[in-house]
Amino acid sequence: MAVITDEFMREMLAKTRNYSVVILKNVSTPPGPENMKVIWEHARRNFALRAEGELSIVCPIADGSGVSGIGIFNADVETTKRIMDEDPAVKAGIFLYEVHPCRSFPGDSLPG
């Protein structure tokens, strides 16, 4: 394991930025087949938000837990709420969401 010094930690922590984490939840588990067209448009919108740099990481979850996904937004909580309120699956009552402020390092990403 790499050795991380106090100096390195202070340097890195000074570089963190504010983001918002969204926890997306199913209203019913699992969503019915009649909702698949709306969920498809929800996914299309996620791709557009990623392309615009607003949704940095999106992780769908399909484990039957009632959690549908996690997203990290490059926006504050209020902006993220406005974005999520316009989501087609949220508007259709298929998904509910929670938004939490968080901090992370610019450039963090999932391994390739």
PDB file of N, CA and C in Angstrom:
ATOM      1  N   MET A   1       0.848  -1.171   0.000  1.00  0.00           N
ATOM      2  CA  MET A   1       0.000   0.000   0.000  1.00  0.00           C
ATOM      3  C   MET A   1       0.899   1.242   0.000  1.00  0.00           C
ATOM      4  N   ALA A   2       0.472   2.267  -0.729  1.00  0.00           N
ATOM      5  CA  ALA A   2       1.242   3.506  -0.824  1.00  0.00           C
ATOM      6  C   ALA A   2       1.310   4.198   0.530  1.00  0.00           C
ATOM      7  N   VAL A   3       2.429   4.880   0.766  1.00  0.00           N
ATOM      8  CA  VAL A   3       2.594   5.677   1.983  1.00  0.00           C
ATOM      9  C   VAL A   3       2.068   7.077   1.688  1.00  0.00           C
ATOM     10  N   ILE A   4       1.117   7.525   2.502  1.00  0.00           N
ATOM     11  CA  ILE A   4       0.506   8.849   2.331  1.00  0.00           C
ATOM     12  C   ILE A   4       0.927   9.717   3.514  1.00  0.00           C
ATOM     13  N   THR A   5       1.638  10.780   3.224  1.00  0.00           N
ATOM     14  CA  THR A   5       2.119  11.665   4.280  1.00  0.00           C
ATOM     15  C   THR A   5       1.053  12.681   4.660  1.00  0.00           C
ATOM     16  N   ASP A   6       1.218  13.295   5.822  1.00  0.00           N
ATOM     17  CA  ASP A   6       0.312  14.370   6.245  1.00  0.00           C
ATOM     18  C   ASP A   6       0.372  15.539   5.267  1.00  0.00           C
ATOM     19  N   GLU A   7       1.551  15.849   4.776  1.00  0.00           N
ATOM     20  CA  GLU A   7       1.721  16.944   3.818  1.00  0.00           C
ATOM     21  C   GLU A   7       0.922  16.676   2.541  1.00  0.00           C
ATOM     22  N   PHE A   8       1.024  15.464   2.031  1.00  0.00           N
ATOM     23  CA  PHE A   8       0.283  15.083   0.829  1.00  0.00           C
ATOM     24  C   PHE A   8      -1.223  15.196   1.079  1.00  0.00           C
ATOM     25  N   MET A   9      -1.668  14.712   2.236  1.00  0.00           N
ATOM     26  CA  MET A   9      -3.099  14.792   2.559  1.00  0.00           C
ATOM     27  C   MET A   9      -3.576  16.238   2.596  1.00  0.00           C
ATOM     28  N   ARG A  10      -2.817  17.128   3.251  1.00  0.00           N
ATOM     29  CA  ARG A  10      -3.221  18.544   3.311  1.00  0.00           C
ATOM     30  C   ARG A  10      -3.284  19.150   1.912  1.00  0.00           C
ATOM     31  N   GLU A  11      -2.297  18.818   1.081  1.00  0.00           N
ATOM     32  CA  GLU A  11      -2.270  19.324  -0.293  1.00  0.00           C
ATOM     33  C   GLU A  11      -3.492  18.841  -1.075  1.00  0.00           C
ATOM     34  N   MET A  12      -3.805  17.565  -0.965  1.00  0.00           N
ATOM     35  CA  MET A  12      -4.939  17.010  -1.699  1.00  0.00           C
ATOM     36  C   MET A  12      -6.272  17.534  -1.175  1.00  0.00           C
ATOM     37  N   LEU A  13      -6.433  17.603   0.126  1.00  0.00           N
ATOM     38  CA  LEU A  13      -7.698  18.069   0.695  1.00  0.00           C
ATOM     39  C   LEU A  13      -8.000  19.511   0.293  1.00  0.00           C
ATOM     40  N   ALA A  14      -6.975  20.304   0.073  1.00  0.00           N
ATOM     41  CA  ALA A  14      -7.165  21.688  -0.371  1.00  0.00           C
ATOM     42  C   ALA A  14      -7.709  21.746  -1.799  1.00  0.00           C
ATOM     43  N   LYS A  15      -7.604  20.665  -2.537  1.00  0.00           N
ATOM     44  CA  LYS A  15      -8.046  20.632  -3.937  1.00  0.00           C
ATOM     45  C   LYS A  15      -9.467  20.100  -4.108  1.00  0.00           C
ATOM     46  N   THR A  16     -10.113  19.674  -3.031  1.00  0.00           N
ATOM     47  CA  THR A  16     -11.459  19.115  -3.184  1.00  0.00           C
ATOM     48  C   THR A  16     -12.438  20.193  -3.613  1.00  0.00           C
ATOM     49  N   ARG A  17     -13.530  19.741  -4.243  1.00  0.00           N
ATOM     50  CA  ARG A  17     -14.603  20.625  -4.704  1.00  0.00           C
ATOM     51  C   ARG A  17     -15.927  20.071  -4.242  1.00  0.00           C
ATOM     52  N   ASN A  18     -16.931  20.940  -4.236  1.00  0.00           N
ATOM     53  CA  ASN A  18     -18.285  20.526  -3.879  1.00  0.00           C
ATOM     54  C   ASN A  18     -18.973  19.877  -5.074  1.00  0.00           C
ATOM     55  N   TYR A  19     -19.683  18.801  -4.786  1.00  0.00           N
ATOM     56  CA  TYR A  19     -20.508  18.088  -5.754  1.00  0.00           C
ATOM     57  C   TYR A  19     -21.800  17.704  -5.041  1.00  0.00           C
ATOM     58  N   SER A  20     -22.694  17.052  -5.747  1.00  0.00           N
ATOM     59  CA  SER A  20     -23.916  16.522  -5.139  1.00  0.00           C
ATOM     60  C   SER A  20     -24.068  15.062  -5.534  1.00  0.00           C
ATOM     61  N   VAL A  21     -24.452  14.251  -4.559  1.00  0.00           N
ATOM     62  CA  VAL A  21     -24.717  12.837  -4.799  1.00  0.00           C
ATOM     63  C   VAL A  21     -26.220  12.634  -4.806  1.00  0.00           C
ATOM     64  N   VAL A  22     -26.722  11.946  -5.827  1.00  0.00           N
ATOM     65  CA  VAL A  22     -28.140  11.598  -5.906  1.00  0.00           C
ATOM     66  C   VAL A  22     -28.271  10.101  -5.680  1.00  0.00           C
ATOM     67  N   ILE A  23     -29.180   9.749  -4.792  1.00  0.00           N
ATOM     68  CA  ILE A  23     -29.556   8.350  -4.599  1.00  0.00           C
ATOM     69  C   ILE A  23     -30.958   8.217  -5.168  1.00  0.00           C
ATOM     70  N   LEU A  24     -31.071   7.442  -6.232  1.00  0.00           N
ATOM     71  CA  LEU A  24     -32.331   7.261  -6.933  1.00  0.00           C
ATOM     72  C   LEU A  24     -32.989   5.990  -6.420  1.00  0.00           C
ATOM     73  N   LYS A  25     -34.272   6.081  -6.077  1.00  0.00           N
ATOM     74  CA  LYS A  25     -34.981   4.931  -5.509  1.00  0.00           C
ATOM     75  C   LYS A  25     -36.227   4.617  -6.320  1.00  0.00           C
ATOM     76  N   ASN A  26     -36.535   3.324  -6.420  1.00  0.00           N
ATOM     77  CA  ASN A  26     -37.753   2.872  -7.090  1.00  0.00           C
ATOM     78  C   ASN A  26     -38.958   3.190  -6.210  1.00  0.00           C
ATOM     79  N   VAL A  27     -40.034   3.628  -6.815  1.00  0.00           N
ATOM     80  CA  VAL A  27     -41.288   3.759  -6.083  1.00  0.00           C
ATOM     81  C   VAL A  27     -41.867   2.375  -5.842  1.00  0.00           C
ATOM     82  N   SER A  28     -41.759   1.484  -6.844  1.00  0.00           N
ATOM     83  CA  SER A  28     -42.129   0.078  -6.665  1.00  0.00           C
ATOM     84  C   SER A  28     -40.935  -0.760  -7.108  1.00  0.00           C
ATOM     85  N   THR A  29     -40.727  -1.884  -6.479  1.00  0.00           N
ATOM     86  CA  THR A  29     -39.563  -2.712  -6.782  1.00  0.00           C
ATOM     87  C   THR A  29     -40.022  -4.015  -7.393  1.00  0.00           C
ATOM     88  N   PRO A  30     -39.576  -4.372  -8.578  1.00  0.00           N
ATOM     89  CA  PRO A  30     -38.955  -3.507  -9.574  1.00  0.00           C
ATOM     90  C   PRO A  30     -40.016  -2.707 -10.320  1.00  0.00           C
ATOM     91  N   PRO A  31     -39.606  -1.641 -11.032  1.00  0.00           N
ATOM     92  CA  PRO A  31     -40.588  -0.902 -11.827  1.00  0.00           C
ATOM     93  C   PRO A  31     -41.233  -1.833 -12.865  1.00  0.00           C
ATOM     94  N   GLY A  32     -42.514  -1.681 -13.101  1.00  0.00           N
ATOM     95  CA  GLY A  32     -43.227  -2.543 -14.038  1.00  0.00           C
ATOM     96  C   GLY A  32     -42.801  -2.331 -15.476  1.00  0.00           C
ATOM     97  N   PRO A  33     -43.085  -3.321 -16.341  1.00  0.00           N
ATOM     98  CA  PRO A  33     -42.686  -3.238 -17.752  1.00  0.00           C
ATOM     99  C   PRO A  33     -43.326  -2.055 -18.476  1.00  0.00           C
ATOM    100  N   GLU A  34     -44.472  -1.605 -18.013  1.00  0.00           N
ATOM    101  CA  GLU A  34     -45.128  -0.453 -18.652  1.00  0.00           C
ATOM    102  C   GLU A  34     -44.316   0.831 -18.480  1.00  0.00           C
ATOM    103  N   ASN A  35     -43.372   0.822 -17.557  1.00  0.00           N
ATOM    104  CA  ASN A  35     -42.561   2.017 -17.297  1.00  0.00           C
ATOM    105  C   ASN A  35     -41.256   2.038 -18.094  1.00  0.00           C
ATOM    106  N   MET A  36     -40.974   0.999 -18.847  1.00  0.00           N
ATOM    107  CA  MET A  36     -39.671   0.886 -19.498  1.00  0.00           C
ATOM    108  C   MET A  36     -39.401   1.998 -20.506  1.00  0.00           C
ATOM    109  N   LYS A  37     -40.426   2.476 -21.214  1.00  0.00           N
ATOM    110  CA  LYS A  37     -40.222   3.567 -22.168  1.00  0.00           C
ATOM    111  C   LYS A  37     -39.791   4.845 -21.440  1.00  0.00           C
ATOM    112  N   VAL A  38     -40.402   5.120 -20.308  1.00  0.00           N
ATOM    113  CA  VAL A  38     -40.041   6.306 -19.529  1.00  0.00           C
ATOM    114  C   VAL A  38     -38.629   6.145 -18.962  1.00  0.00           C
ATOM    115  N   ILE A  39     -38.304   4.946 -18.489  1.00  0.00           N
ATOM    116  CA  ILE A  39     -36.963   4.699 -17.949  1.00  0.00           C
ATOM    117  C   ILE A  39     -35.916   4.827 -19.051  1.00  0.00           C
ATOM    118  N   TRP A  40     -36.265   4.411 -20.273  1.00  0.00           N
ATOM    119  CA  TRP A  40     -35.361   4.581 -21.418  1.00  0.00           C
ATOM    120  C   TRP A  40     -35.066   6.064 -21.645  1.00  0.00           C
ATOM    121  N   GLU A  41     -36.092   6.901 -21.563  1.00  0.00           N
ATOM    122  CA  GLU A  41     -35.900   8.341 -21.748  1.00  0.00           C
ATOM    123  C   GLU A  41     -35.120   8.951 -20.578  1.00  0.00           C
ATOM    124  N   HIS A  42     -35.326   8.413 -19.382  1.00  0.00           N
ATOM    125  CA  HIS A  42     -34.529   8.815 -18.219  1.00  0.00           C
ATOM    126  C   HIS A  42     -33.049   8.536 -18.507  1.00  0.00           C
ATOM    127  N   ALA A  43     -32.748   7.355 -19.038  1.00  0.00           N
ATOM    128  CA  ALA A  43     -31.366   6.998 -19.357  1.00  0.00           C
ATOM    129  C   ALA A  43     -30.804   7.892 -20.460  1.00  0.00           C
ATOM    130  N   ARG A  44     -31.617   8.181 -21.475  1.00  0.00           N
ATOM    131  CA  ARG A  44     -31.181   9.078 -22.551  1.00  0.00           C
ATOM    132  C   ARG A  44     -30.801  10.441 -21.973  1.00  0.00           C
ATOM    133  N   ARG A  45     -31.626  10.922 -21.045  1.00  0.00           N
ATOM    134  CA  ARG A  45     -31.364  12.212 -20.402  1.00  0.00           C
ATOM    135  C   ARG A  45     -30.065  12.152 -19.600  1.00  0.00           C
ATOM    136  N   ASN A  46     -29.810  11.025 -18.929  1.00  0.00           N
ATOM    137  CA  ASN A  46     -28.548  10.879 -18.189  1.00  0.00           C
ATOM    138  C   ASN A  46     -27.353  10.992 -19.128  1.00  0.00           C
ATOM    139  N   PHE A  47     -27.443  10.370 -20.313  1.00  0.00           N
ATOM    140  CA  PHE A  47     -26.358  10.488 -21.289  1.00  0.00           C
ATOM    141  C   PHE A  47     -26.162  11.949 -21.704  1.00  0.00           C
ATOM    142  N   ALA A  48     -27.254  12.677 -21.892  1.00  0.00           N
ATOM    143  CA  ALA A  48     -27.154  14.088 -22.268  1.00  0.00           C
ATOM    144  C   ALA A  48     -26.533  14.913 -21.138  1.00  0.00           C
ATOM    145  N   LEU A  49     -26.942  14.641 -19.894  1.00  0.00           N
ATOM    146  CA  LEU A  49     -26.365  15.353 -18.751  1.00  0.00           C
ATOM    147  C   LEU A  49     -24.876  15.057 -18.622  1.00  0.00           C
ATOM    148  N   ARG A  50     -24.472  13.823 -18.898  1.00  0.00           N
ATOM    149  CA  ARG A  50     -23.043  13.476 -18.887  1.00  0.00           C
ATOM    150  C   ARG A  50     -22.312  14.236 -19.978  1.00  0.00           C
ATOM    151  N   ALA A  51     -22.895  14.283 -21.170  1.00  0.00           N
ATOM    152  CA  ALA A  51     -22.256  14.973 -22.295  1.00  0.00           C
ATOM    153  C   ALA A  51     -22.083  16.465 -22.011  1.00  0.00           C
ATOM    154  N   GLU A  52     -23.010  17.034 -21.240  1.00  0.00           N
ATOM    155  CA  GLU A  52     -22.946  18.459 -20.889  1.00  0.00           C
ATOM    156  C   GLU A  52     -22.066  18.730 -19.671  1.00  0.00           C
ATOM    157  N   GLY A  53     -21.545  17.676 -19.037  1.00  0.00           N
ATOM    158  CA  GLY A  53     -20.678  17.851 -17.879  1.00  0.00           C
ATOM    159  C   GLY A  53     -21.402  18.071 -16.565  1.00  0.00           C
ATOM    160  N   GLU A  54     -22.709  17.888 -16.550  1.00  0.00           N
ATOM    161  CA  GLU A  54     -23.472  18.098 -15.313  1.00  0.00           C
ATOM    162  C   GLU A  54     -23.533  16.838 -14.449  1.00  0.00           C
ATOM    163  N   LEU A  55     -23.585  15.673 -15.076  1.00  0.00           N
ATOM    164  CA  LEU A  55     -23.650  14.395 -14.371  1.00  0.00           C
ATOM    165  C   LEU A  55     -22.322  13.687 -14.610  1.00  0.00           C
ATOM    166  N   SER A  56     -21.449  13.746 -13.608  1.00  0.00           N
ATOM    167  CA  SER A  56     -20.084  13.248 -13.782  1.00  0.00           C
ATOM    168  C   SER A  56     -20.005  11.727 -13.770  1.00  0.00           C
ATOM    169  N   ILE A  57     -20.734  11.101 -12.865  1.00  0.00           N
ATOM    170  CA  ILE A  57     -20.720   9.645 -12.749  1.00  0.00           C
ATOM    171  C   ILE A  57     -22.153   9.179 -12.542  1.00  0.00           C
ATOM    172  N   VAL A  58     -22.557   8.167 -13.292  1.00  0.00           N
ATOM    173  CA  VAL A  58     -23.882   7.572 -13.121  1.00  0.00           C
ATOM    174  C   VAL A  58     -23.696   6.061 -12.981  1.00  0.00           C
ATOM    175  N   CYS A  59     -24.295   5.513 -11.941  1.00  0.00           N
ATOM    176  CA  CYS A  59     -24.158   4.085 -11.646  1.00  0.00           C
ATOM    177  C   CYS A  59     -25.534   3.476 -11.435  1.00  0.00           C
ATOM    178  N   PRO A  60     -26.132   2.864 -12.466  1.00  0.00           N
ATOM    179  CA  PRO A  60     -27.386   2.154 -12.271  1.00  0.00           C
ATOM    180  C   PRO A  60     -27.185   0.977 -11.308  1.00  0.00           C
ATOM    181  N   ILE A  61     -28.209   0.693 -10.523  1.00  0.00           N
ATOM    182  CA  ILE A  61     -28.173  -0.420  -9.575  1.00  0.00           C
ATOM    183  C   ILE A  61     -29.392  -1.293  -9.848  1.00  0.00           C
ATOM    184  N   ALA A  62     -29.157  -2.572 -10.064  1.00  0.00           N
ATOM    185  CA  ALA A  62     -30.244  -3.494 -10.387  1.00  0.00           C
ATOM    186  C   ALA A  62     -30.151  -4.731  -9.501  1.00  0.00           C
ATOM    187  N   ASP A  63     -30.074  -4.515  -8.191  1.00  0.00           N
ATOM    188  CA  ASP A  63     -29.918  -5.645  -7.277  1.00  0.00           C
ATOM    189  C   ASP A  63     -31.188  -5.970  -6.498  1.00  0.00           C
ATOM    190  N   GLY A  64     -32.303  -5.339  -6.875  1.00  0.00           N
ATOM    191  CA  GLY A  64     -33.564  -5.604  -6.202  1.00  0.00           C
ATOM    192  C   GLY A  64     -33.709  -4.948  -4.845  1.00  0.00           C
ATOM    193  N   SER A  65     -32.798  -4.064  -4.489  1.00  0.00           N
ATOM    194  CA  SER A  65     -32.806  -3.430  -3.170  1.00  0.00           C
ATOM    195  C   SER A  65     -33.782  -2.262  -3.059  1.00  0.00           C
ATOM    196  N   GLY A  66     -34.285  -1.788  -4.196  1.00  0.00           N
ATOM    197  CA  GLY A  66     -35.119  -0.590  -4.181  1.00  0.00           C
ATOM    198  C   GLY A  66     -34.335   0.667  -4.523  1.00  0.00           C
ATOM    199  N   VAL A  67     -33.008   0.576  -4.527  1.00  0.00           N
ATOM    200  CA  VAL A  67     -32.169   1.680  -4.991  1.00  0.00           C
ATOM    201  C   VAL A  67     -31.932   1.453  -6.477  1.00  0.00           C
ATOM    202  N   SER A  68     -32.225   2.465  -7.284  1.00  0.00           N
ATOM    203  CA  SER A  68     -32.097   2.344  -8.738  1.00  0.00           C
ATOM    204  C   SER A  68     -30.758   2.809  -9.261  1.00  0.00           C
ATOM    205  N   GLY A  69     -30.130   3.718  -8.526  1.00  0.00           N
ATOM    206  CA  GLY A  69     -28.853   4.218  -9.006  1.00  0.00           C
ATOM    207  C   GLY A  69     -28.291   5.299  -8.116  1.00  0.00           C
ATOM    208  N   ILE A  70     -27.046   5.627  -8.427  1.00  0.00           N
ATOM    209  CA  ILE A  70     -26.325   6.700  -7.739  1.00  0.00           C
ATOM    210  C   ILE A  70     -25.743   7.582  -8.828  1.00  0.00           C
ATOM    211  N   GLY A  71     -25.824   8.869  -8.654  1.00  0.00           N
ATOM    212  CA  GLY A  71     -25.214   9.806  -9.587  1.00  0.00           C
ATOM    213  C   GLY A  71     -24.443  10.858  -8.827  1.00  0.00           C
ATOM    214  N   ILE A  72     -23.324  11.285  -9.403  1.00  0.00           N
ATOM    215  CA  ILE A  72     -22.566  12.393  -8.836  1.00  0.00           C
ATOM    216  C   ILE A  72     -22.663  13.546  -9.825  1.00  0.00           C
ATOM    217  N   PHE A  73     -23.239  14.643  -9.348  1.00  0.00           N
ATOM    218  CA  PHE A  73     -23.474  15.819 -10.179  1.00  0.00           C
ATOM    219  C   PHE A  73     -22.417  16.883  -9.914  1.00  0.00           C
ATOM    220  N   ASN A  74     -22.008  17.538 -10.956  1.00  0.00           N
ATOM    221  CA  ASN A  74     -21.081  18.656 -10.892  1.00  0.00           C
ATOM    222  C   ASN A  74     -21.910  19.927 -10.687  1.00  0.00           C
ATOM    223  N   ALA A  75     -22.638  19.962  -9.562  1.00  0.00           N
ATOM    224  CA  ALA A  75     -23.566  21.057  -9.286  1.00  0.00           C
ATOM    225  C   ALA A  75     -23.865  21.087  -7.788  1.00  0.00           C
ATOM    226  N   ASP A  76     -24.378  22.211  -7.334  1.00  0.00           N
ATOM    227  CA  ASP A  76     -24.779  22.292  -5.933  1.00  0.00           C
ATOM    228  C   ASP A  76     -26.117  21.586  -5.738  1.00  0.00           C
ATOM    229  N   VAL A  77     -26.529  21.465  -4.494  1.00  0.00           N
ATOM    230  CA  VAL A  77     -27.740  20.709  -4.159  1.00  0.00           C
ATOM    231  C   VAL A  77     -28.977  21.312  -4.819  1.00  0.00           C
ATOM    232  N   GLU A  78     -29.138  22.615  -4.761  1.00  0.00           N
ATOM    233  CA  GLU A  78     -30.342  23.242  -5.333  1.00  0.00           C
ATOM    234  C   GLU A  78     -30.406  23.051  -6.846  1.00  0.00           C
ATOM    235  N   THR A  79     -29.290  23.216  -7.532  1.00  0.00           N
ATOM    236  CA  THR A  79     -29.257  23.001  -8.984  1.00  0.00           C
ATOM    237  C   THR A  79     -29.558  21.545  -9.309  1.00  0.00           C
ATOM    238  N   THR A  80     -28.984  20.638  -8.532  1.00  0.00           N
ATOM    239  CA  THR A  80     -29.220  19.214  -8.748  1.00  0.00           C
ATOM    240  C   THR A  80     -30.692  18.871  -8.543  1.00  0.00           C
ATOM    241  N   LYS A  81     -31.321  19.456  -7.537  1.00  0.00           N
ATOM    242  CA  LYS A  81     -32.756  19.220  -7.323  1.00  0.00           C
ATOM    243  C   LYS A  81     -33.566  19.703  -8.521  1.00  0.00           C
ATOM    244  N   ARG A  82     -33.221  20.859  -9.072  1.00  0.00           N
ATOM    245  CA  ARG A  82     -33.946  21.371 -10.248  1.00  0.00           C
ATOM    246  C   ARG A  82     -33.771  20.412 -11.432  1.00  0.00           C
ATOM    247  N   ILE A  83     -32.560  19.900 -11.599  1.00  0.00           N
ATOM    248  CA  ILE A  83     -32.301  18.944 -12.681  1.00  0.00           C
ATOM    249  C   ILE A  83     -33.132  17.677 -12.472  1.00  0.00           C
ATOM    250  N   MET A  84     -33.103  17.156 -11.265  1.00  0.00           N
ATOM    251  CA  MET A  84     -33.804  15.896 -10.981  1.00  0.00           C
ATOM    252  C   MET A  84     -35.322  16.062 -11.037  1.00  0.00           C
ATOM    253  N   ASP A  85     -35.838  17.211 -10.668  1.00  0.00           N
ATOM    254  CA  ASP A  85     -37.287  17.441 -10.728  1.00  0.00           C
ATOM    255  C   ASP A  85     -37.808  17.377 -12.152  1.00  0.00           C
ATOM    256  N   GLU A  86     -36.932  17.579 -13.144  1.00  0.00           N
ATOM    257  CA  GLU A  86     -37.321  17.518 -14.556  1.00  0.00           C
ATOM    258  C   GLU A  86     -37.067  16.145 -15.172  1.00  0.00           C
ATOM    259  N   ASP A  87     -36.537  15.212 -14.415  1.00  0.00           N
ATOM    260  CA  ASP A  87     -36.280  13.866 -14.928  1.00  0.00           C
ATOM    261  C   ASP A  87     -37.606  13.200 -15.287  1.00  0.00           C
ATOM    262  N   PRO A  88     -37.711  12.588 -16.474  1.00  0.00           N
ATOM    263  CA  PRO A  88     -38.993  12.002 -16.871  1.00  0.00           C
ATOM    264  C   PRO A  88     -39.483  10.894 -15.934  1.00  0.00           C
ATOM    265  N   ALA A  89     -38.596  10.086 -15.401  1.00  0.00           N
ATOM    266  CA  ALA A  89     -39.022   9.002 -14.509  1.00  0.00           C
ATOM    267  C   ALA A  89     -39.405   9.523 -13.126  1.00  0.00           C
ATOM    268  N   VAL A  90     -38.800  10.617 -12.704  1.00  0.00           N
ATOM    269  CA  VAL A  90     -39.213  11.264 -11.447  1.00  0.00           C
ATOM    270  C   VAL A  90     -40.585  11.904 -11.645  1.00  0.00           C
ATOM    271  N   LYS A  91     -40.735  12.616 -12.763  1.00  0.00           N
ATOM    272  CA  LYS A  91     -42.023  13.268 -13.047  1.00  0.00           C
ATOM    273  C   LYS A  91     -43.153  12.254 -13.187  1.00  0.00           C
ATOM    274  N   ALA A  92     -42.841  11.057 -13.705  1.00  0.00           N
ATOM    275  CA  ALA A  92     -43.852  10.009 -13.887  1.00  0.00           C
ATOM    276  C   ALA A  92     -44.124   9.241 -12.593  1.00  0.00           C
ATOM    277  N   GLY A  93     -43.376   9.535 -11.535  1.00  0.00           N
ATOM    278  CA  GLY A  93     -43.586   8.847 -10.264  1.00  0.00           C
ATOM    279  C   GLY A  93     -42.971   7.454 -10.200  1.00  0.00           C
ATOM    280  N   ILE A  94     -42.057   7.152 -11.108  1.00  0.00           N
ATOM    281  CA  ILE A  94     -41.382   5.856 -11.111  1.00  0.00           C
ATOM    282  C   ILE A  94     -40.239   5.851 -10.097  1.00  0.00           C
ATOM    283  N   PHE A  95     -39.513   6.956 -10.030  1.00  0.00           N
ATOM    284  CA  PHE A  95     -38.377   7.088  -9.125  1.00  0.00           C
ATOM    285  C   PHE A  95     -38.579   8.253  -8.162  1.00  0.00           C
ATOM    286  N   LEU A  96     -38.037   8.109  -6.977  1.00  0.00           N
ATOM    287  CA  LEU A  96     -37.851   9.189  -6.013  1.00  0.00           C
ATOM    288  C   LEU A  96     -36.348   9.384  -5.882  1.00  0.00           C
ATOM    289  N   TYR A  97     -35.939  10.526  -5.345  1.00  0.00           N
ATOM    290  CA  TYR A  97     -34.503  10.743  -5.185  1.00  0.00           C
ATOM    291  C   TYR A  97     -34.197  11.485  -3.896  1.00  0.00           C
ATOM    292  N   GLU A  98     -32.973  11.292  -3.442  1.00  0.00           N
ATOM    293  CA  GLU A  98     -32.392  12.070  -2.354  1.00  0.00           C
ATOM    294  C   GLU A  98     -31.167  12.762  -2.922  1.00  0.00           C
ATOM    295  N   VAL A  99     -30.888  13.983  -2.460  1.00  0.00           N
ATOM    296  CA  VAL A  99     -29.670  14.689  -2.862  1.00  0.00           C
ATOM    297  C   VAL A  99     -28.874  15.006  -1.604  1.00  0.00           C
ATOM    298  N   HIS A 100     -27.576  14.743  -1.674  1.00  0.00           N
ATOM    299  CA  HIS A 100     -26.681  15.018  -0.556  1.00  0.00           C
ATOM    300  C   HIS A 100     -25.459  15.786  -1.052  1.00  0.00           C
ATOM    301  N   PRO A 101     -25.054  16.842  -0.336  1.00  0.00           N
ATOM    302  CA  PRO A 101     -23.815  17.522  -0.713  1.00  0.00           C
ATOM    303  C   PRO A 101     -22.625  16.626  -0.376  1.00  0.00           C
ATOM    304  N   CYS A 102     -21.597  16.707  -1.189  1.00  0.00           N
ATOM    305  CA  CYS A 102     -20.377  15.952  -0.916  1.00  0.00           C
ATOM    306  C   CYS A 102     -19.180  16.721  -1.464  1.00  0.00           C
ATOM    307  N   ARG A 103     -18.007  16.220  -1.163  1.00  0.00           N
ATOM    308  CA  ARG A 103     -16.763  16.802  -1.684  1.00  0.00           C
ATOM    309  C   ARG A 103     -15.946  15.673  -2.295  1.00  0.00           C
ATOM    310  N   SER A 104     -15.243  16.000  -3.352  1.00  0.00           N
ATOM    311  CA  SER A 104     -14.349  15.027  -3.970  1.00  0.00           C
ATOM    312  C   SER A 104     -13.268  15.776  -4.717  1.00  0.00           C
ATOM    313  N   PHE A 105     -12.417  15.028  -5.380  1.00  0.00           N
ATOM    314  CA  PHE A 105     -11.297  15.605  -6.097  1.00  0.00           C
ATOM    315  C   PHE A 105     -11.641  15.741  -7.572  1.00  0.00           C
ATOM    316  N   PRO A 106     -11.460  16.931  -8.151  1.00  0.00           N
ATOM    317  CA  PRO A 106     -11.668  17.069  -9.591  1.00  0.00           C
ATOM    318  C   PRO A 106     -10.811  16.049 -10.335  1.00  0.00           C
ATOM    319  N   GLY A 107     -11.409  15.425 -11.334  1.00  0.00           N
ATOM    320  CA  GLY A 107     -10.691  14.444 -12.122  1.00  0.00           C
ATOM    321  C   GLY A 107     -10.836  13.022 -11.621  1.00  0.00           C
ATOM    322  N   ASP A 108     -11.418  12.825 -10.424  1.00  0.00           N
ATOM    323  CA  ASP A 108     -11.648  11.457  -9.966  1.00  0.00           C
ATOM    324  C   ASP A 108     -12.528  10.751 -10.997  1.00  0.00           C
ATOM    325  N   SER A 109     -12.304   9.473 -11.162  1.00  0.00           N
ATOM    326  CA  SER A 109     -13.122   8.711 -12.107  1.00  0.00           C
ATOM    327  C   SER A 109     -13.076   7.239 -11.733  1.00  0.00           C
ATOM    328  N   LEU A 110     -13.943   6.484 -12.356  1.00  0.00           N
ATOM    329  CA  LEU A 110     -13.942   5.050 -12.165  1.00  0.00           C
ATOM    330  C   LEU A 110     -12.802   4.443 -12.995  1.00  0.00           C
ATOM    331  N   PRO A 111     -12.221   3.352 -12.547  1.00  0.00           N
ATOM    332  CA  PRO A 111     -11.161   2.725 -13.346  1.00  0.00           C
ATOM    333  C   PRO A 111     -11.700   2.233 -14.680  1.00  0.00           C
ATOM    334  N   GLY A 112     -10.871   2.282 -15.709  1.00  0.00           N
ATOM    335  CA  GLY A 112     -11.277   1.905 -17.057  1.00  0.00           C
ATOM    336  C   GLY A 112     -11.416   0.437 -17.281  1.00  0.00           C
TER     337      GLY A 112
END
